[in-house]
Amino acid sequence: MRFDLTDLRLFVNVVQAGTITGGAERTHMTLASASERVRGMEADIGVALLLRDPRGVQPTEAGRTLLHHARAVLLQMEQLQSELGEYGAGLKGHVRLLCNTSALTEHLYEALSGFLAQHPHISVDLEERASHEIVDALRNELGDLGIVSDAVDLAGLEAFTFRQDHLVLVVPRGDALARRRRAALREVLDREFVGLGGAAPLQELVSRNALRLGRRLAYRVRVRNLEAVCHMVAQGVGVGVVPQPVAARCAKSMAIVSIALTDPWAVRNLMVCVRRSDALPANAQLLLRHLLGSS
């Protein structure tokens, strides 16, 4: 086998992206070059490394073995880069950070911008996912750090408290519930909702807990961001569930009222989690310390 570091980095990026196209983009090469390299790797060892279907790719058993060793080799190279100091100044470190909706929209940008300003040689690949998907990705070594709700199973991971993240119900001013300070999701299951579009992790969380109560939420409209949820609620379109900081900020300019949700899943902490902190690449360790120091 004659794999070089570019081959290994490409393969890790392809598996993380779920497509050869995405892996090529992350490795800064053309799709044709990336496809040829992957085919060459498979020809070199004589077995398929990827299962291909119209939705993307997944590693085979051999591919998972290569993924494990490729990440180990790339980790060693990052550690070598860090230890060489000024000799490695021409190289660029990379950290893959996965986070849920609340962390991304309300808590992360300020902390992350400060880190990037302090470390101009490090780039961060930031991806929004549901908390349960993040912990699975970390366990399978498909990310460096994750920020998740403490409502998910963190077994096998190291976890550190990052922020409090309480979800609230938002209703229009003048609504029958507007004078309430607390309410449970079951009390509004008959109402029409304003939600986030696509497969937004926060909306999946709310919908999943409604199903546990035996009901499917009726969405009057789905919008692109949390501010738009609050805006539509203020117009009387329906009610919504958003993080408390979003509701507090939007209430200054919109006719909405926030009500604390009493459901256990709505009162939570955001946790920074890793597979093993002592095995993180040097750049990821720097980001971990920065995030915890900004708490």
Protein backbone atom coordinates (compact mmCIF):
# COMPACT_ATOMS: atom_id res chain seq x y z
CA MET A 1 0.00 0.00 0.00
CA ARG A 2 1.26 3.45 -0.91
CA PHE A 3 -1.25 5.86 0.62
CA ASP A 4 -0.02 9.40 1.20
CA LEU A 5 -1.37 11.97 3.66
CA THR A 6 -3.59 13.51 0.99
CA ASP A 7 -5.18 10.10 0.38
CA LEU A 8 -5.83 9.65 4.10
CA ARG A 9 -7.18 13.16 4.58
CA LEU A 10 -9.43 12.79 1.53
CA PHE A 11 -10.82 9.47 2.76
CA VAL A 12 -11.61 10.90 6.23
CA ASN A 13 -13.30 13.92 4.61
CA VAL A 14 -15.35 11.73 2.25
CA VAL A 15 -16.66 9.62 5.14
CA GLN A 16 -17.41 12.72 7.23
CA ALA A 17 -19.22 14.46 4.36
CA GLY A 18 -21.08 11.32 3.29
CA THR A 19 -20.29 11.97 -0.38
CA ILE A 20 -17.19 11.98 -2.55
CA THR A 21 -18.20 15.44 -3.78
CA GLY A 22 -18.30 16.80 -0.24
CA GLY A 23 -15.01 15.11 0.61
CA ALA A 24 -13.39 16.61 -2.46
CA GLU A 25 -14.57 20.09 -1.49
CA ARG A 26 -13.20 19.72 2.06
CA THR A 27 -9.87 18.51 0.69
CA HIS A 28 -9.76 21.33 -1.90
CA MET A 29 -9.54 19.10 -4.95
CA THR A 30 -11.74 18.42 -7.96
CA LEU A 31 -14.34 15.67 -7.92
CA ALA A 32 -12.50 13.86 -10.73
CA SER A 33 -9.22 13.86 -8.80
CA ALA A 34 -10.92 12.73 -5.60
CA SER A 35 -12.77 9.89 -7.35
CA GLU A 36 -9.56 8.73 -9.03
CA ARG A 37 -7.69 8.72 -5.71
CA VAL A 38 -10.40 6.69 -3.99
CA ARG A 39 -10.50 4.19 -6.85
CA GLY A 40 -6.71 3.97 -6.71
CA MET A 41 -6.78 3.25 -2.97
CA GLU A 42 -9.36 0.48 -3.50
CA ALA A 43 -7.36 -0.99 -6.38
CA ASP A 44 -4.18 -0.89 -4.31
CA ILE A 45 -5.60 -3.02 -1.49
CA GLY A 46 -7.96 -5.06 -3.65
CA VAL A 47 -11.21 -4.41 -1.73
CA ALA A 48 -13.95 -1.78 -1.72
CA LEU A 49 -13.57 0.94 0.88
CA LEU A 50 -16.92 2.63 0.26
CA LEU A 51 -20.49 1.50 -0.31
CA ARG A 52 -21.99 3.78 -2.93
CA ASP A 53 -25.68 4.55 -3.46
CA PRO A 54 -27.63 7.53 -4.85
CA ARG A 55 -27.76 9.15 -1.40
CA GLY A 56 -23.99 9.09 -0.85
CA VAL A 57 -21.33 6.77 0.50
CA GLN A 58 -20.65 4.76 3.66
CA PRO A 59 -17.45 2.97 4.65
CA THR A 60 -17.23 -0.80 4.29
CA GLU A 61 -15.69 -2.88 7.05
CA ALA A 62 -12.31 -2.33 5.39
CA GLY A 63 -13.15 1.34 5.05
CA ARG A 64 -13.87 1.65 8.77
CA THR A 65 -10.49 0.07 9.52
CA LEU A 66 -8.79 2.55 7.20
CA LEU A 67 -10.77 5.41 8.74
CA HIS A 68 -9.57 4.49 12.23
CA HIS A 69 -5.91 4.35 11.21
CA ALA A 70 -6.15 7.40 8.94
CA ARG A 71 -7.46 9.52 11.81
CA ALA A 72 -4.67 8.22 14.04
CA VAL A 73 -2.01 9.12 11.46
CA LEU A 74 -3.50 12.58 10.85
CA LEU A 75 -3.71 13.14 14.62
CA GLN A 76 -0.01 12.32 14.95
CA MET A 77 0.78 14.74 12.15
CA GLU A 78 -1.19 17.51 13.86
CA GLN A 79 0.62 16.85 17.11
CA LEU A 80 3.93 16.89 15.27
CA GLN A 81 2.98 20.18 13.64
CA SER A 82 2.14 21.73 17.00
CA GLU A 83 5.34 20.51 18.65
CA LEU A 84 7.54 21.76 15.81
CA GLY A 85 6.16 25.24 16.46
CA GLU A 86 7.61 27.78 14.10
CA TYR A 87 8.84 25.05 11.71
CA GLY A 88 5.23 24.12 11.09
CA ALA A 89 4.04 27.70 10.73
CA GLY A 90 3.30 27.19 7.06
CA LEU A 91 0.78 24.43 7.82
CA LYS A 92 -2.79 25.01 8.88
CA GLY A 93 -4.58 23.22 11.69
CA HIS A 94 -8.17 22.04 11.36
CA VAL A 95 -10.86 21.24 13.94
CA ARG A 96 -14.25 19.67 13.24
CA LEU A 97 -16.91 20.99 15.62
CA LEU A 98 -20.46 19.62 15.69
CA CYS A 99 -23.20 21.48 17.55
CA ASN A 100 -26.95 21.53 18.04
CA THR A 101 -29.26 24.37 17.01
CA SER A 102 -29.29 26.22 20.34
CA ALA A 103 -25.51 26.21 20.65
CA LEU A 104 -25.10 27.44 17.09
CA THR A 105 -27.63 30.26 17.17
CA GLU A 106 -27.20 31.63 20.67
CA HIS A 107 -23.93 30.70 22.33
CA LEU A 108 -21.21 29.76 19.91
CA TYR A 109 -20.49 32.57 17.48
CA GLU A 110 -18.97 34.98 19.99
CA ALA A 111 -16.79 32.32 21.62
CA LEU A 112 -15.75 30.89 18.26
CA SER A 113 -14.92 34.27 16.70
CA GLY A 114 -12.67 35.04 19.65
CA PHE A 115 -10.85 31.74 19.21
CA LEU A 116 -10.34 32.26 15.48
CA ALA A 117 -9.00 35.76 16.09
CA GLN A 118 -6.47 34.40 18.59
CA HIS A 119 -5.45 31.47 16.36
CA PRO A 120 -5.35 32.60 12.72
CA HIS A 121 -3.60 29.36 11.66
CA ILE A 122 -6.53 27.17 12.73
CA SER A 123 -9.69 26.62 10.71
CA VAL A 124 -12.93 25.23 12.15
CA ASP A 125 -15.41 23.10 10.23
CA LEU A 126 -18.71 23.90 11.99
CA GLU A 127 -21.72 21.66 11.36
CA GLU A 128 -25.20 21.75 12.88
CA ARG A 129 -26.69 18.39 13.85
CA ALA A 130 -29.13 16.93 16.34
CA SER A 131 -27.58 16.10 19.72
CA HIS A 132 -28.07 12.34 19.37
CA GLU A 133 -26.37 12.40 15.97
CA ILE A 134 -23.44 14.34 17.39
CA VAL A 135 -22.65 11.86 20.16
CA ASP A 136 -22.85 8.99 17.65
CA ALA A 137 -20.44 10.83 15.35
CA LEU A 138 -17.97 11.43 18.18
CA ARG A 139 -18.07 7.79 19.27
CA ASN A 140 -17.28 6.82 15.67
CA GLU A 141 -14.42 9.36 15.48
CA LEU A 142 -16.23 11.48 12.87
CA GLY A 143 -15.69 14.75 14.73
CA ASP A 144 -13.30 16.33 17.23
CA LEU A 145 -15.67 18.18 19.57
CA GLY A 146 -19.44 18.33 19.97
CA ILE A 147 -21.84 20.62 21.80
CA VAL A 148 -25.03 18.81 22.79
CA SER A 149 -27.92 18.84 25.21
CA ASP A 150 -27.36 16.87 28.40
CA ALA A 151 -30.64 15.08 27.64
CA VAL A 152 -28.81 12.64 25.35
CA ASP A 153 -26.82 9.59 26.43
CA LEU A 154 -23.20 10.69 26.91
CA ALA A 155 -21.85 7.24 27.79
CA GLY A 156 -18.33 6.69 26.51
CA LEU A 157 -17.61 10.40 26.12
CA GLU A 158 -16.01 13.05 28.31
CA ALA A 159 -18.44 15.92 28.86
CA PHE A 160 -18.02 19.43 30.27
CA THR A 161 -20.73 22.00 31.01
CA PHE A 162 -20.71 24.83 28.45
CA ARG A 163 -23.94 26.85 28.90
CA GLN A 164 -27.45 26.59 30.31
CA ASP A 165 -30.02 26.25 27.56
CA HIS A 166 -33.67 26.47 28.57
CA LEU A 167 -36.42 26.24 25.98
CA VAL A 168 -39.54 28.37 26.31
CA LEU A 169 -42.95 28.59 24.70
CA VAL A 170 -43.56 31.85 22.83
CA VAL A 171 -47.10 33.15 22.33
CA PRO A 172 -48.52 36.45 21.03
CA ARG A 173 -49.22 39.21 23.53
CA GLY A 174 -52.89 39.01 24.42
CA ASP A 175 -52.95 35.23 24.01
CA ALA A 176 -54.92 33.28 26.59
CA LEU A 177 -51.63 31.87 27.91
CA ALA A 178 -49.76 35.17 27.96
CA ARG A 179 -50.29 35.72 31.70
CA ARG A 180 -48.93 32.32 32.58
CA ARG A 181 -45.36 31.97 33.83
CA ARG A 182 -45.09 28.23 33.23
CA ALA A 183 -46.76 25.69 30.97
CA ALA A 184 -46.24 22.16 29.68
CA LEU A 185 -46.14 21.12 26.05
CA ARG A 186 -49.21 18.91 26.53
CA GLU A 187 -51.26 22.07 27.24
CA VAL A 188 -50.70 23.43 23.73
CA LEU A 189 -50.83 20.28 21.62
CA ASP A 190 -54.12 21.45 20.13
CA ARG A 191 -52.59 24.75 18.99
CA GLU A 192 -51.09 25.53 15.61
CA PHE A 193 -47.31 25.88 15.68
CA VAL A 194 -44.68 27.96 13.95
CA GLY A 195 -41.60 25.80 13.44
CA LEU A 196 -38.21 25.65 11.78
CA GLY A 197 -38.00 24.27 8.27
CA GLY A 198 -36.00 21.33 7.01
CA ALA A 199 -34.59 18.86 9.49
CA ALA A 200 -33.72 21.43 12.16
CA PRO A 201 -32.57 19.51 15.28
CA LEU A 202 -34.48 21.79 17.67
CA GLN A 203 -37.73 21.23 15.80
CA GLU A 204 -37.11 17.49 15.72
CA LEU A 205 -36.71 17.56 19.51
CA VAL A 206 -40.05 19.33 20.02
CA SER A 207 -41.87 17.11 17.52
CA ARG A 208 -40.40 13.95 19.02
CA ASN A 209 -41.60 14.88 22.51
CA ALA A 210 -45.05 15.72 21.19
CA LEU A 211 -45.20 12.23 19.68
CA ARG A 212 -44.31 10.77 23.06
CA LEU A 213 -47.43 12.49 24.35
CA GLY A 214 -49.42 10.81 21.61
CA ARG A 215 -49.85 13.81 19.33
CA ARG A 216 -48.37 15.12 16.12
CA LEU A 217 -47.85 18.88 16.08
CA ALA A 218 -49.81 20.89 13.52
CA TYR A 219 -47.40 23.31 11.84
CA ARG A 220 -49.07 26.32 10.30
CA VAL A 221 -45.78 27.46 8.79
CA ARG A 222 -42.10 26.55 8.90
CA VAL A 223 -39.48 29.27 8.64
CA ARG A 224 -35.71 29.48 8.28
CA ASN A 225 -34.52 30.76 11.66
CA LEU A 226 -35.55 31.33 15.27
CA GLU A 227 -36.06 35.07 14.87
CA ALA A 228 -38.54 34.35 12.08
CA VAL A 229 -40.38 31.93 14.40
CA CYS A 230 -40.81 34.75 16.93
CA HIS A 231 -41.88 37.19 14.22
CA MET A 232 -44.61 34.87 12.94
CA VAL A 233 -45.80 34.19 16.50
CA ALA A 234 -46.02 37.95 17.08
CA GLN A 235 -48.29 38.16 14.01
CA GLY A 236 -50.67 35.64 15.59
CA VAL A 237 -49.86 32.79 13.21
CA GLY A 238 -49.30 30.25 16.00
CA VAL A 239 -47.11 29.42 19.00
CA GLY A 240 -43.51 28.24 18.98
CA VAL A 241 -40.67 26.83 21.06
CA VAL A 242 -37.32 28.64 21.08
CA PRO A 243 -34.32 29.02 23.42
CA GLN A 244 -34.93 31.52 26.21
CA PRO A 245 -32.21 34.00 25.04
CA VAL A 246 -33.86 34.18 21.60
CA ALA A 247 -37.26 34.89 23.15
CA ALA A 248 -35.82 37.55 25.48
CA ARG A 249 -34.05 39.31 22.63
CA CYS A 250 -37.02 39.21 20.25
CA ALA A 251 -39.49 40.34 22.95
CA LYS A 252 -37.75 43.75 22.97
CA SER A 253 -39.03 44.48 19.45
CA MET A 254 -41.85 41.98 18.88
CA ALA A 255 -45.25 41.48 20.50
CA ILE A 256 -44.48 38.10 22.07
CA VAL A 257 -44.47 36.64 25.57
CA SER A 258 -42.26 33.76 26.68
CA ILE A 259 -43.49 31.07 29.06
CA ALA A 260 -41.16 28.62 30.79
CA LEU A 261 -41.75 25.03 29.69
CA THR A 262 -42.01 22.60 32.61
CA ASP A 263 -41.15 19.53 30.53
CA PRO A 264 -37.85 17.99 31.70
CA TRP A 265 -36.41 17.94 28.16
CA ALA A 266 -36.81 21.74 27.94
CA VAL A 267 -34.62 22.46 30.99
CA ARG A 268 -31.13 21.41 30.09
CA ASN A 269 -27.44 22.21 29.93
CA LEU A 270 -25.31 22.39 26.83
CA MET A 271 -22.27 20.14 27.14
CA VAL A 272 -18.99 20.16 25.26
CA CYS A 273 -18.09 16.52 24.72
CA VAL A 274 -15.16 14.65 23.25
CA ARG A 275 -14.17 11.04 22.84
CA ARG A 276 -10.95 11.46 24.86
CA SER A 277 -9.57 14.89 25.72
CA ASP A 278 -6.00 13.61 26.09
CA ALA A 279 -6.11 12.13 22.58
CA LEU A 280 -7.41 15.28 20.85
CA PRO A 281 -5.20 16.94 18.23
CA ALA A 282 -3.38 19.96 19.65
CA ASN A 283 -5.63 22.42 17.80
CA ALA A 284 -8.78 20.75 19.09
CA GLN A 285 -7.38 20.86 22.63
CA LEU A 286 -6.87 24.61 22.21
CA LEU A 287 -10.51 25.04 21.12
CA LEU A 288 -11.77 22.87 23.99
CA ARG A 289 -9.90 25.01 26.55
CA HIS A 290 -11.16 28.19 24.91
CA LEU A 291 -14.81 27.09 24.93
CA LEU A 292 -14.66 26.03 28.58
CA GLY A 293 -12.84 29.22 29.54
CA SER A 294 -15.55 31.32 27.89
CA SER A 295 -18.34 29.63 29.86
